[in-house]
Amino acid sequence: MHLLVATDAWKPQINGVVRSLEAMAERAHSCGARVSFVTPLDFASVPMPTYPEIRLSLASARRLAPILERVAPTHVHIATEGPIGFAMRALCLARAIPFTTSYHTRFPEYVSARAPIPEDWTYAVIRRFHASGIGMMVSTPSLERELTARGFSGIMRWSRGVDADLFRPRPALRGRYPGPVFVTVARLAVEKNIAAFLALDLPGTKLVVGDGPARRDLERIDPDAVFLGALSGEALAQAYACADVFVFPSLTDTFGIVMLEALASGLPVAAHPVTGPLDVIGDSGVGVLDADLRRAALAALAIDPARCRAYAERFTWERSAAQFFGNIRTAHEARRAALAA
């Protein structure tokens, strides 16, 4: 299999989509595949309104055609519903090339938070986008149920993993800040609900890892909170390891890879009982899910870090990659069988 992945999310962005795609590419060989990418680096771009840190590619089917012909993939996967994703979809439909997709981001909710556009309108567009493919991957059972109720079909499950060698407990780093230390890691944008975390009356120290358009407003909510900016690799791993509890305030994330990174670092999770936390944490005992985020954060302090670490080790990128490439093969086999019938 030679897979061409079309994605609007790519470096230098730091998010779950980029991490997931990079992890799949790194493990493609062991799954009998190789991966090529079409990314924003292949096109001129303009800043996204209200979020200039994200660039929108000036992509089109005509501009993508030479790339598709040069790469000559056996399979195509469209990872995002942005300009590159829509252009690749149009090109594949024009040439009768089957493709799979994945649903990573709640665009309808994010658009509605920034503009007076009803969610149902955006969901209709996104549903039509994915219906053109031969299979759509989602990360959790609760998201699958939700999208099925909204009329999406052809859904396949693709869970995520964590680098348990990088993200691990580091006792020597404890005590860097007055405790207890509560940390959150996210893009600093309105949809991540970081304001709810900063508004909590908690003892000790609040750490915020990430950057984005809402940072200046968020810094005003709690002047005592420590903003570390966007981190990755070893620096990010150390930020987790010096904390006691990971607080995940988002109400809209479809999974939340940061929860796995925190758990692998020995941090229990405090979160709302919504899609993402319900699937990743559930009743595992490695976190507390409560509509009262303060109560969840304080209760999580009593959870054994060793239990969190052991639970996170069940989520490997190797298993995630096998599921991802297996889904693509299964979707194509089902299409061939349907055509033969």
C-alpha atoms as a PDB file:
ATOM      1  CA  MET A   1       0.000   0.000   0.000  1.00  0.00           C
ATOM      2  CA  HIS A   2       1.224   3.467  -0.919  1.00  0.00           C
ATOM      3  CA  LEU A   3      -1.061   5.875   0.908  1.00  0.00           C
ATOM      4  CA  LEU A   4      -1.383   9.547   0.044  1.00  0.00           C
ATOM      5  CA  VAL A   5      -2.724  11.570   2.997  1.00  0.00           C
ATOM      6  CA  ALA A   6      -4.247  14.986   2.295  1.00  0.00           C
ATOM      7  CA  THR A   7      -4.276  17.175   5.390  1.00  0.00           C
ATOM      8  CA  ASP A   8      -4.792  20.837   6.205  1.00  0.00           C
ATOM      9  CA  ALA A   9      -3.324  20.274   9.683  1.00  0.00           C
ATOM     10  CA  TRP A  10       0.449  20.057   9.621  1.00  0.00           C
ATOM     11  CA  LYS A  11       3.626  21.349  11.204  1.00  0.00           C
ATOM     12  CA  PRO A  12       4.310  23.831  12.724  1.00  0.00           C
ATOM     13  CA  GLN A  13       0.819  23.330  14.176  1.00  0.00           C
ATOM     14  CA  ILE A  14       0.841  21.367  17.427  1.00  0.00           C
ATOM     15  CA  ASN A  15      -2.358  19.377  17.771  1.00  0.00           C
ATOM     16  CA  GLY A  16      -3.789  15.880  17.918  1.00  0.00           C
ATOM     17  CA  VAL A  17      -4.326  15.610  14.174  1.00  0.00           C
ATOM     18  CA  VAL A  18      -0.675  16.291  13.406  1.00  0.00           C
ATOM     19  CA  ARG A  19       0.532  13.958  16.150  1.00  0.00           C
ATOM     20  CA  SER A  20      -1.741  11.164  14.955  1.00  0.00           C
ATOM     21  CA  LEU A  21      -0.704  11.434  11.312  1.00  0.00           C
ATOM     22  CA  GLU A  22       2.993  11.598  12.160  1.00  0.00           C
ATOM     23  CA  ALA A  23       2.638   8.522  14.361  1.00  0.00           C
ATOM     24  CA  MET A  24       0.908   6.616  11.560  1.00  0.00           C
ATOM     25  CA  ALA A  25       3.628   7.527   9.053  1.00  0.00           C
ATOM     26  CA  GLU A  26       6.387   6.465  11.455  1.00  0.00           C
ATOM     27  CA  ARG A  27       4.799   3.028  11.833  1.00  0.00           C
ATOM     28  CA  ALA A  28       3.607   2.532   8.269  1.00  0.00           C
ATOM     29  CA  HIS A  29       6.414   0.162   7.282  1.00  0.00           C
ATOM     30  CA  SER A  30       5.521  -2.315  10.025  1.00  0.00           C
ATOM     31  CA  CYS A  31       1.948  -2.272   8.694  1.00  0.00           C
ATOM     32  CA  GLY A  32       3.022  -3.034   5.122  1.00  0.00           C
ATOM     33  CA  ALA A  33       2.552   0.517   3.898  1.00  0.00           C
ATOM     34  CA  ARG A  34       4.335   3.713   3.023  1.00  0.00           C
ATOM     35  CA  VAL A  35       2.892   7.191   3.336  1.00  0.00           C
ATOM     36  CA  SER A  36       3.183  10.419   1.348  1.00  0.00           C
ATOM     37  CA  PHE A  37       1.551  13.688   2.370  1.00  0.00           C
ATOM     38  CA  VAL A  38      -0.105  16.678   0.743  1.00  0.00           C
ATOM     39  CA  THR A  39       0.082  19.477   3.317  1.00  0.00           C
ATOM     40  CA  PRO A  40      -0.091  23.292   3.574  1.00  0.00           C
ATOM     41  CA  LEU A  41       3.660  23.310   2.892  1.00  0.00           C
ATOM     42  CA  ASP A  42       2.828  22.474  -0.753  1.00  0.00           C
ATOM     43  CA  PHE A  43       0.802  25.664  -1.333  1.00  0.00           C
ATOM     44  CA  ALA A  44       0.704  29.384  -0.762  1.00  0.00           C
ATOM     45  CA  SER A  45      -1.591  30.255   2.149  1.00  0.00           C
ATOM     46  CA  VAL A  46      -3.420  33.046   3.945  1.00  0.00           C
ATOM     47  CA  PRO A  47      -4.106  33.460   7.687  1.00  0.00           C
ATOM     48  CA  MET A  48      -7.413  32.110   8.931  1.00  0.00           C
ATOM     49  CA  PRO A  49      -9.798  34.855  10.093  1.00  0.00           C
ATOM     50  CA  THR A  50      -9.893  35.119  13.934  1.00  0.00           C
ATOM     51  CA  TYR A  51      -7.014  32.615  14.172  1.00  0.00           C
ATOM     52  CA  PRO A  52      -3.996  33.859  12.161  1.00  0.00           C
ATOM     53  CA  GLU A  53      -1.699  31.187  13.610  1.00  0.00           C
ATOM     54  CA  ILE A  54      -3.468  28.696  11.325  1.00  0.00           C
ATOM     55  CA  ARG A  55      -2.886  29.162   7.604  1.00  0.00           C
ATOM     56  CA  LEU A  56      -5.479  28.316   4.959  1.00  0.00           C
ATOM     57  CA  SER A  57      -3.942  26.807   1.848  1.00  0.00           C
ATOM     58  CA  LEU A  58      -4.778  28.162  -1.590  1.00  0.00           C
ATOM     59  CA  ALA A  59      -5.354  24.639  -2.843  1.00  0.00           C
ATOM     60  CA  SER A  60      -7.472  23.477  -5.754  1.00  0.00           C
ATOM     61  CA  ALA A  61      -8.075  20.233  -7.612  1.00  0.00           C
ATOM     62  CA  ARG A  62      -6.069  21.621 -10.537  1.00  0.00           C
ATOM     63  CA  ARG A  63      -3.064  22.311  -8.316  1.00  0.00           C
ATOM     64  CA  LEU A  64      -3.361  18.931  -6.637  1.00  0.00           C
ATOM     65  CA  ALA A  65      -3.518  16.952  -9.877  1.00  0.00           C
ATOM     66  CA  PRO A  66       0.254  17.028 -10.620  1.00  0.00           C
ATOM     67  CA  ILE A  67       1.004  15.914  -7.055  1.00  0.00           C
ATOM     68  CA  LEU A  68      -1.422  13.006  -7.322  1.00  0.00           C
ATOM     69  CA  GLU A  69       0.072  11.949 -10.656  1.00  0.00           C
ATOM     70  CA  ARG A  70       3.650  12.203  -9.367  1.00  0.00           C
ATOM     71  CA  VAL A  71       2.987  10.253  -6.165  1.00  0.00           C
ATOM     72  CA  ALA A  72       0.761   7.674  -7.909  1.00  0.00           C
ATOM     73  CA  PRO A  73      -0.685   6.268  -4.673  1.00  0.00           C
ATOM     74  CA  THR A  74      -2.621   3.038  -4.401  1.00  0.00           C
ATOM     75  CA  HIS A  75      -4.861   4.555  -1.693  1.00  0.00           C
ATOM     76  CA  VAL A  76      -5.956   8.072  -0.700  1.00  0.00           C
ATOM     77  CA  HIS A  77      -6.953   9.273   2.769  1.00  0.00           C
ATOM     78  CA  ILE A  78      -8.399  12.742   3.411  1.00  0.00           C
ATOM     79  CA  ALA A  79      -7.709  13.730   7.005  1.00  0.00           C
ATOM     80  CA  THR A  80      -9.329  17.170   7.250  1.00  0.00           C
ATOM     81  CA  GLU A  81     -12.279  19.138   5.907  1.00  0.00           C
ATOM     82  CA  GLY A  82     -10.228  22.206   4.945  1.00  0.00           C
ATOM     83  CA  PRO A  83      -9.164  23.649   1.578  1.00  0.00           C
ATOM     84  CA  ILE A  84      -6.769  20.767   0.858  1.00  0.00           C
ATOM     85  CA  GLY A  85      -9.338  18.203   1.949  1.00  0.00           C
ATOM     86  CA  PHE A  86     -12.075  19.661  -0.235  1.00  0.00           C
ATOM     87  CA  ALA A  87      -9.714  20.000  -3.208  1.00  0.00           C
ATOM     88  CA  MET A  88      -8.548  16.388  -2.907  1.00  0.00           C
ATOM     89  CA  ARG A  89     -12.148  15.224  -2.557  1.00  0.00           C
ATOM     90  CA  ALA A  90     -13.104  17.069  -5.754  1.00  0.00           C
ATOM     91  CA  LEU A  91     -10.135  15.593  -7.622  1.00  0.00           C
ATOM     92  CA  CYS A  92     -10.867  12.052  -6.453  1.00  0.00           C
ATOM     93  CA  LEU A  93     -14.536  12.338  -7.369  1.00  0.00           C
ATOM     94  CA  ALA A  94     -13.660  13.704 -10.816  1.00  0.00           C
ATOM     95  CA  ARG A  95     -11.303  10.779 -11.438  1.00  0.00           C
ATOM     96  CA  ALA A  96     -13.416   8.098  -9.725  1.00  0.00           C
ATOM     97  CA  ILE A  97     -10.668   7.442  -7.152  1.00  0.00           C
ATOM     98  CA  PRO A  98     -12.019   5.922  -3.912  1.00  0.00           C
ATOM     99  CA  PHE A  99     -10.836   7.526  -0.675  1.00  0.00           C
ATOM    100  CA  THR A 100     -11.274   7.231   3.069  1.00  0.00           C
ATOM    101  CA  THR A 101     -11.683  10.126   5.505  1.00  0.00           C
ATOM    102  CA  SER A 102     -11.349  10.803   9.213  1.00  0.00           C
ATOM    103  CA  TYR A 103     -13.361  13.022  11.539  1.00  0.00           C
ATOM    104  CA  HIS A 104     -11.003  14.768  13.952  1.00  0.00           C
ATOM    105  CA  THR A 105     -12.524  18.139  14.715  1.00  0.00           C
ATOM    106  CA  ARG A 106     -15.948  19.505  15.607  1.00  0.00           C
ATOM    107  CA  PHE A 107     -15.958  22.199  12.949  1.00  0.00           C
ATOM    108  CA  PRO A 108     -19.696  22.947  13.343  1.00  0.00           C
ATOM    109  CA  GLU A 109     -19.244  23.848  17.014  1.00  0.00           C
ATOM    110  CA  TYR A 110     -16.017  25.768  16.353  1.00  0.00           C
ATOM    111  CA  VAL A 111     -17.576  27.778  13.514  1.00  0.00           C
ATOM    112  CA  SER A 112     -20.660  28.516  15.610  1.00  0.00           C
ATOM    113  CA  ALA A 113     -18.457  29.812  18.438  1.00  0.00           C
ATOM    114  CA  ARG A 114     -16.899  32.373  16.087  1.00  0.00           C
ATOM    115  CA  ALA A 115     -19.717  33.289  13.704  1.00  0.00           C
ATOM    116  CA  PRO A 116     -23.554  33.312  13.696  1.00  0.00           C
ATOM    117  CA  ILE A 117     -23.777  30.141  11.596  1.00  0.00           C
ATOM    118  CA  PRO A 118     -26.109  27.380  12.879  1.00  0.00           C
ATOM    119  CA  GLU A 119     -24.358  24.102  13.663  1.00  0.00           C
ATOM    120  CA  ASP A 120     -26.900  22.144  11.604  1.00  0.00           C
ATOM    121  CA  TRP A 121     -25.842  24.010   8.460  1.00  0.00           C
ATOM    122  CA  THR A 122     -22.184  23.149   8.932  1.00  0.00           C
ATOM    123  CA  TYR A 123     -23.006  19.556   9.872  1.00  0.00           C
ATOM    124  CA  ALA A 124     -24.878  19.191   6.563  1.00  0.00           C
ATOM    125  CA  VAL A 125     -21.753  20.276   4.659  1.00  0.00           C
ATOM    126  CA  ILE A 126     -19.446  18.027   6.685  1.00  0.00           C
ATOM    127  CA  ARG A 127     -21.799  15.059   6.383  1.00  0.00           C
ATOM    128  CA  ARG A 128     -21.876  15.429   2.597  1.00  0.00           C
ATOM    129  CA  PHE A 129     -18.079  15.723   2.538  1.00  0.00           C
ATOM    130  CA  HIS A 130     -17.578  12.388   4.319  1.00  0.00           C
ATOM    131  CA  ALA A 131     -20.438  10.601   2.545  1.00  0.00           C
ATOM    132  CA  SER A 132     -18.435  10.789  -0.689  1.00  0.00           C
ATOM    133  CA  GLY A 133     -15.755   8.503   0.743  1.00  0.00           C
ATOM    134  CA  ILE A 134     -15.771   4.756   1.255  1.00  0.00           C
ATOM    135  CA  GLY A 135     -15.284   4.970   5.017  1.00  0.00           C
ATOM    136  CA  MET A 136     -14.935   7.562   7.778  1.00  0.00           C
ATOM    137  CA  MET A 137     -12.744   6.988  10.842  1.00  0.00           C
ATOM    138  CA  VAL A 138     -13.678   8.295  14.291  1.00  0.00           C
ATOM    139  CA  SER A 139     -11.791   7.945  17.536  1.00  0.00           C
ATOM    140  CA  THR A 140     -14.381   6.861  20.127  1.00  0.00           C
ATOM    141  CA  PRO A 141     -17.627   4.902  20.568  1.00  0.00           C
ATOM    142  CA  SER A 142     -19.517   7.931  21.897  1.00  0.00           C
ATOM    143  CA  LEU A 143     -18.495  10.032  18.894  1.00  0.00           C
ATOM    144  CA  GLU A 144     -19.616   7.216  16.591  1.00  0.00           C
ATOM    145  CA  ARG A 145     -23.031   7.140  18.275  1.00  0.00           C
ATOM    146  CA  GLU A 146     -23.357  10.914  18.086  1.00  0.00           C
ATOM    147  CA  LEU A 147     -22.452  11.135  14.403  1.00  0.00           C
ATOM    148  CA  THR A 148     -24.643   8.161  13.518  1.00  0.00           C
ATOM    149  CA  ALA A 149     -27.567  10.002  15.100  1.00  0.00           C
ATOM    150  CA  ARG A 150     -26.696  12.979  12.871  1.00  0.00           C
ATOM    151  CA  GLY A 151     -26.919  10.862   9.735  1.00  0.00           C
ATOM    152  CA  PHE A 152     -23.255   9.970   9.140  1.00  0.00           C
ATOM    153  CA  SER A 153     -22.540   6.475   7.811  1.00  0.00           C
ATOM    154  CA  GLY A 154     -19.643   4.184   6.916  1.00  0.00           C
ATOM    155  CA  ILE A 155     -18.038   4.801  10.309  1.00  0.00           C
ATOM    156  CA  MET A 156     -14.911   2.895  11.375  1.00  0.00           C
ATOM    157  CA  ARG A 157     -13.102   3.108  14.709  1.00  0.00           C
ATOM    158  CA  TRP A 158      -9.566   4.475  14.979  1.00  0.00           C
ATOM    159  CA  SER A 159      -8.259   4.963  18.505  1.00  0.00           C
ATOM    160  CA  ARG A 160      -5.046   6.796  19.449  1.00  0.00           C
ATOM    161  CA  GLY A 161      -1.834   6.066  21.320  1.00  0.00           C
ATOM    162  CA  VAL A 162       0.879   7.652  23.416  1.00  0.00           C
ATOM    163  CA  ASP A 163       4.680   7.629  23.466  1.00  0.00           C
ATOM    164  CA  ALA A 164       5.121   6.086  26.904  1.00  0.00           C
ATOM    165  CA  ASP A 165       8.918   6.384  26.679  1.00  0.00           C
ATOM    166  CA  LEU A 166       8.777  10.167  26.332  1.00  0.00           C
ATOM    167  CA  PHE A 167       5.802  10.786  28.609  1.00  0.00           C
ATOM    168  CA  ARG A 168       6.648   9.152  31.917  1.00  0.00           C
ATOM    169  CA  PRO A 169       6.733   9.974  35.650  1.00  0.00           C
ATOM    170  CA  ARG A 170       9.796  12.015  36.660  1.00  0.00           C
ATOM    171  CA  PRO A 171       9.781  12.357  40.463  1.00  0.00           C
ATOM    172  CA  ALA A 172      12.819  14.644  40.420  1.00  0.00           C
ATOM    173  CA  LEU A 173      10.757  17.364  38.731  1.00  0.00           C
ATOM    174  CA  ARG A 174       8.107  17.513  41.449  1.00  0.00           C
ATOM    175  CA  GLY A 175       8.281  20.608  43.614  1.00  0.00           C
ATOM    176  CA  ARG A 176       9.199  22.983  40.787  1.00  0.00           C
ATOM    177  CA  TYR A 177       6.001  24.956  41.579  1.00  0.00           C
ATOM    178  CA  PRO A 178       4.018  25.355  44.822  1.00  0.00           C
ATOM    179  CA  GLY A 179       1.702  22.383  45.085  1.00  0.00           C
ATOM    180  CA  PRO A 180      -0.631  20.928  44.341  1.00  0.00           C
ATOM    181  CA  VAL A 181      -0.003  21.647  40.664  1.00  0.00           C
ATOM    182  CA  PHE A 182      -2.875  21.488  38.173  1.00  0.00           C
ATOM    183  CA  VAL A 183      -1.912  21.570  34.505  1.00  0.00           C
ATOM    184  CA  THR A 184      -3.806  21.830  31.232  1.00  0.00           C
ATOM    185  CA  VAL A 185      -2.379  21.476  27.714  1.00  0.00           C
ATOM    186  CA  ALA A 186      -4.310  22.867  24.774  1.00  0.00           C
ATOM    187  CA  ARG A 187      -4.527  25.338  21.940  1.00  0.00           C
ATOM    188  CA  LEU A 188      -5.527  28.623  23.556  1.00  0.00           C
ATOM    189  CA  ALA A 189      -8.715  29.197  21.610  1.00  0.00           C
ATOM    190  CA  VAL A 190     -12.299  29.733  22.712  1.00  0.00           C
ATOM    191  CA  GLU A 191     -13.443  26.190  21.896  1.00  0.00           C
ATOM    192  CA  LYS A 192     -10.963  24.630  24.330  1.00  0.00           C
ATOM    193  CA  ASN A 193     -12.756  26.165  27.334  1.00  0.00           C
ATOM    194  CA  ILE A 194      -9.494  27.063  29.117  1.00  0.00           C
ATOM    195  CA  ALA A 195     -11.295  29.980  30.773  1.00  0.00           C
ATOM    196  CA  ALA A 196     -13.271  27.457  32.836  1.00  0.00           C
ATOM    197  CA  PHE A 197     -10.035  25.972  34.188  1.00  0.00           C
ATOM    198  CA  LEU A 198      -8.545  29.366  35.027  1.00  0.00           C
ATOM    199  CA  ALA A 199     -11.708  30.449  36.826  1.00  0.00           C
ATOM    200  CA  LEU A 200     -11.530  27.508  39.253  1.00  0.00           C
ATOM    201  CA  ASP A 201     -10.740  28.223  42.895  1.00  0.00           C
ATOM    202  CA  LEU A 202      -7.905  25.735  43.380  1.00  0.00           C
ATOM    203  CA  PRO A 203      -5.008  25.586  45.822  1.00  0.00           C
ATOM    204  CA  GLY A 204      -1.385  25.553  44.671  1.00  0.00           C
ATOM    205  CA  THR A 205      -0.474  26.390  41.068  1.00  0.00           C
ATOM    206  CA  LYS A 206      -2.233  26.343  37.702  1.00  0.00           C
ATOM    207  CA  LEU A 207      -0.027  25.649  34.677  1.00  0.00           C
ATOM    208  CA  VAL A 208      -1.180  26.368  31.131  1.00  0.00           C
ATOM    209  CA  VAL A 209       0.745  24.848  28.230  1.00  0.00           C
ATOM    210  CA  GLY A 210      -0.127  26.101  24.764  1.00  0.00           C
ATOM    211  CA  ASP A 211      -0.594  29.226  22.720  1.00  0.00           C
ATOM    212  CA  GLY A 212      -3.265  30.743  20.532  1.00  0.00           C
ATOM    213  CA  PRO A 213      -5.479  33.754  19.863  1.00  0.00           C
ATOM    214  CA  ALA A 214      -7.153  33.720  23.292  1.00  0.00           C
ATOM    215  CA  ARG A 215      -3.943  33.844  25.348  1.00  0.00           C
ATOM    216  CA  ARG A 216      -4.076  37.540  26.231  1.00  0.00           C
ATOM    217  CA  ASP A 217      -7.674  37.320  27.426  1.00  0.00           C
ATOM    218  CA  LEU A 218      -6.976  34.134  29.373  1.00  0.00           C
ATOM    219  CA  GLU A 219      -4.013  35.648  31.187  1.00  0.00           C
ATOM    220  CA  ARG A 220      -6.360  38.265  32.664  1.00  0.00           C
ATOM    221  CA  ILE A 221      -8.618  35.646  34.280  1.00  0.00           C
ATOM    222  CA  ASP A 222      -6.008  34.404  36.747  1.00  0.00           C
ATOM    223  CA  PRO A 223      -2.859  36.554  36.951  1.00  0.00           C
ATOM    224  CA  ASP A 224      -1.264  33.925  39.208  1.00  0.00           C
ATOM    225  CA  ALA A 225      -1.502  31.138  36.634  1.00  0.00           C
ATOM    226  CA  VAL A 226       1.757  30.195  34.924  1.00  0.00           C
ATOM    227  CA  PHE A 227       1.624  30.272  31.114  1.00  0.00           C
ATOM    228  CA  LEU A 228       4.436  28.193  29.607  1.00  0.00           C
ATOM    229  CA  GLY A 229       3.592  28.730  25.937  1.00  0.00           C
ATOM    230  CA  ALA A 230       3.518  26.044  23.268  1.00  0.00           C
ATOM    231  CA  LEU A 231       5.788  23.101  24.127  1.00  0.00           C
ATOM    232  CA  SER A 232       6.614  19.818  22.458  1.00  0.00           C
ATOM    233  CA  GLY A 233       8.897  16.835  22.931  1.00  0.00           C
ATOM    234  CA  GLU A 234      11.017  16.756  26.071  1.00  0.00           C
ATOM    235  CA  ALA A 235       9.888  20.202  27.255  1.00  0.00           C
ATOM    236  CA  LEU A 236       6.239  19.135  27.102  1.00  0.00           C
ATOM    237  CA  ALA A 237       6.975  15.868  28.882  1.00  0.00           C
ATOM    238  CA  GLN A 238       8.659  17.776  31.703  1.00  0.00           C
ATOM    239  CA  ALA A 239       5.698  20.128  32.039  1.00  0.00           C
ATOM    240  CA  TYR A 240       3.398  17.166  32.621  1.00  0.00           C
ATOM    241  CA  ALA A 241       5.802  15.483  35.027  1.00  0.00           C
ATOM    242  CA  CYS A 242       6.022  18.428  37.422  1.00  0.00           C
ATOM    243  CA  ALA A 243       2.242  18.477  37.985  1.00  0.00           C
ATOM    244  CA  ASP A 244      -0.158  16.503  40.187  1.00  0.00           C
ATOM    245  CA  VAL A 245      -3.423  16.573  38.196  1.00  0.00           C
ATOM    246  CA  PHE A 246      -4.261  17.124  34.550  1.00  0.00           C
ATOM    247  CA  VAL A 247      -7.383  19.229  34.028  1.00  0.00           C
ATOM    248  CA  PHE A 248      -9.151  18.777  30.684  1.00  0.00           C
ATOM    249  CA  PRO A 249     -11.871  21.454  30.476  1.00  0.00           C
ATOM    250  CA  SER A 250     -12.836  20.958  26.813  1.00  0.00           C
ATOM    251  CA  LEU A 251     -16.444  20.186  25.986  1.00  0.00           C
ATOM    252  CA  THR A 252     -15.879  19.645  22.262  1.00  0.00           C
ATOM    253  CA  ASP A 253     -12.742  17.528  21.702  1.00  0.00           C
ATOM    254  CA  THR A 254     -13.336  14.278  19.863  1.00  0.00           C
ATOM    255  CA  PHE A 255     -10.644  12.356  21.775  1.00  0.00           C
ATOM    256  CA  GLY A 256      -7.940  14.246  23.659  1.00  0.00           C
ATOM    257  CA  ILE A 257      -4.483  12.729  23.118  1.00  0.00           C
ATOM    258  CA  VAL A 258      -3.241  15.059  25.863  1.00  0.00           C
ATOM    259  CA  MET A 259      -5.145  12.942  28.384  1.00  0.00           C
ATOM    260  CA  LEU A 260      -3.093   9.894  27.401  1.00  0.00           C
ATOM    261  CA  GLU A 261       0.127  11.916  27.644  1.00  0.00           C
ATOM    262  CA  ALA A 262      -0.863  13.065  31.123  1.00  0.00           C
ATOM    263  CA  LEU A 263      -1.797   9.559  32.267  1.00  0.00           C
ATOM    264  CA  ALA A 264       1.485   8.153  30.951  1.00  0.00           C
ATOM    265  CA  SER A 265       3.216  10.856  33.008  1.00  0.00           C
ATOM    266  CA  GLY A 266       1.426   9.583  36.110  1.00  0.00           C
ATOM    267  CA  LEU A 267      -1.229  12.315  36.263  1.00  0.00           C
ATOM    268  CA  PRO A 268      -4.876  11.564  37.017  1.00  0.00           C
ATOM    269  CA  VAL A 269      -7.376  13.433  34.831  1.00  0.00           C
ATOM    270  CA  ALA A 270     -10.161  15.790  35.880  1.00  0.00           C
ATOM    271  CA  ALA A 271     -12.710  16.451  33.137  1.00  0.00           C
ATOM    272  CA  HIS A 272     -16.360  16.922  32.240  1.00  0.00           C
ATOM    273  CA  PRO A 273     -18.391  13.771  31.460  1.00  0.00           C
ATOM    274  CA  VAL A 274     -18.468  14.385  27.691  1.00  0.00           C
ATOM    275  CA  THR A 275     -17.256  12.703  24.492  1.00  0.00           C
ATOM    276  CA  GLY A 276     -13.535  12.107  24.792  1.00  0.00           C
ATOM    277  CA  PRO A 277     -13.200  11.830  28.580  1.00  0.00           C
ATOM    278  CA  LEU A 278     -16.128   9.403  28.730  1.00  0.00           C
ATOM    279  CA  ASP A 279     -14.288   7.096  26.337  1.00  0.00           C
ATOM    280  CA  VAL A 280     -10.674   7.612  27.415  1.00  0.00           C
ATOM    281  CA  ILE A 281     -11.308   7.734  31.178  1.00  0.00           C
ATOM    282  CA  GLY A 282     -14.778   6.293  31.689  1.00  0.00           C
ATOM    283  CA  ASP A 283     -14.946   4.212  34.870  1.00  0.00           C
ATOM    284  CA  SER A 284     -11.264   3.213  34.735  1.00  0.00           C
ATOM    285  CA  GLY A 285     -10.483   4.896  38.039  1.00  0.00           C
ATOM    286  CA  VAL A 286      -7.653   6.992  36.601  1.00  0.00           C
ATOM    287  CA  GLY A 287      -9.620  10.209  36.582  1.00  0.00           C
ATOM    288  CA  VAL A 288     -12.706  11.963  37.865  1.00  0.00           C
ATOM    289  CA  LEU A 289     -15.487  13.078  35.529  1.00  0.00           C
ATOM    290  CA  ASP A 290     -17.814  15.669  36.978  1.00  0.00           C
ATOM    291  CA  ALA A 291     -19.801  18.623  35.669  1.00  0.00           C
ATOM    292  CA  ASP A 292     -18.217  20.491  38.601  1.00  0.00           C
ATOM    293  CA  LEU A 293     -14.630  20.732  37.323  1.00  0.00           C
ATOM    294  CA  ARG A 294     -13.268  22.034  40.629  1.00  0.00           C
ATOM    295  CA  ARG A 295     -14.698  19.062  42.507  1.00  0.00           C
ATOM    296  CA  ALA A 296     -13.218  16.721  39.891  1.00  0.00           C
ATOM    297  CA  ALA A 297      -9.771  18.336  40.125  1.00  0.00           C
ATOM    298  CA  LEU A 298      -9.623  18.117  43.911  1.00  0.00           C
ATOM    299  CA  ALA A 299     -10.900  14.539  43.986  1.00  0.00           C
ATOM    300  CA  ALA A 300      -8.329  13.471  41.385  1.00  0.00           C
ATOM    301  CA  LEU A 301      -5.523  14.307  43.832  1.00  0.00           C
ATOM    302  CA  ALA A 302      -6.307  11.069  45.671  1.00  0.00           C
ATOM    303  CA  ILE A 303      -5.675   8.796  42.651  1.00  0.00           C
ATOM    304  CA  ASP A 304      -2.515   6.674  42.579  1.00  0.00           C
ATOM    305  CA  PRO A 305      -0.102   7.895  39.849  1.00  0.00           C
ATOM    306  CA  ALA A 306       1.081   4.313  39.262  1.00  0.00           C
ATOM    307  CA  ARG A 307      -2.438   3.301  38.307  1.00  0.00           C
ATOM    308  CA  CYS A 308      -2.570   6.126  35.754  1.00  0.00           C
ATOM    309  CA  ARG A 309       0.719   5.066  34.208  1.00  0.00           C
ATOM    310  CA  ALA A 310      -0.334   1.417  33.937  1.00  0.00           C
ATOM    311  CA  TYR A 311      -3.601   2.376  32.255  1.00  0.00           C
ATOM    312  CA  ALA A 312      -1.890   4.630  29.683  1.00  0.00           C
ATOM    313  CA  GLU A 313       0.476   1.841  28.661  1.00  0.00           C
ATOM    314  CA  ARG A 314      -2.509   0.053  27.109  1.00  0.00           C
ATOM    315  CA  PHE A 315      -2.715   2.760  24.426  1.00  0.00           C
ATOM    316  CA  THR A 316       0.122   2.271  21.944  1.00  0.00           C
ATOM    317  CA  TRP A 317       0.733   3.967  18.621  1.00  0.00           C
ATOM    318  CA  GLU A 318       1.557   0.549  17.160  1.00  0.00           C
ATOM    319  CA  ARG A 319      -1.968  -0.654  17.901  1.00  0.00           C
ATOM    320  CA  SER A 320      -3.408   2.608  16.591  1.00  0.00           C
ATOM    321  CA  ALA A 321      -1.455   2.315  13.325  1.00  0.00           C
ATOM    322  CA  ALA A 322      -2.576  -1.287  12.795  1.00  0.00           C
ATOM    323  CA  GLN A 323      -6.167  -0.151  13.224  1.00  0.00           C
ATOM    324  CA  PHE A 324      -5.718   2.825  10.855  1.00  0.00           C
ATOM    325  CA  PHE A 325      -4.173   0.894   7.967  1.00  0.00           C
ATOM    326  CA  GLY A 326      -6.516  -2.042   8.611  1.00  0.00           C
ATOM    327  CA  ASN A 327      -9.509   0.276   8.233  1.00  0.00           C
ATOM    328  CA  ILE A 328      -8.243   1.495   4.862  1.00  0.00           C
ATOM    329  CA  ARG A 329      -7.752  -2.038   3.568  1.00  0.00           C
ATOM    330  CA  THR A 330     -11.151  -3.136   4.900  1.00  0.00           C
ATOM    331  CA  ALA A 331     -12.918  -0.183   3.251  1.00  0.00           C
ATOM    332  CA  HIS A 332     -11.348  -0.931  -0.126  1.00  0.00           C
ATOM    333  CA  GLU A 333     -12.092  -4.649   0.125  1.00  0.00           C
ATOM    334  CA  ALA A 334     -15.733  -3.897   0.946  1.00  0.00           C
ATOM    335  CA  ARG A 335     -15.935  -1.541  -2.053  1.00  0.00           C
ATOM    336  CA  ARG A 336     -14.474  -4.193  -4.381  1.00  0.00           C
ATOM    337  CA  ALA A 337     -16.907  -6.790  -3.040  1.00  0.00           C
ATOM    338  CA  ALA A 338     -19.843  -4.398  -3.558  1.00  0.00           C
ATOM    339  CA  LEU A 339     -18.758  -3.664  -7.125  1.00  0.00           C
ATOM    340  CA  ALA A 340     -18.348  -7.375  -7.854  1.00  0.00           C
ATOM    341  CA  ALA A 341     -21.809  -8.088  -6.468  1.00  0.00           C
END
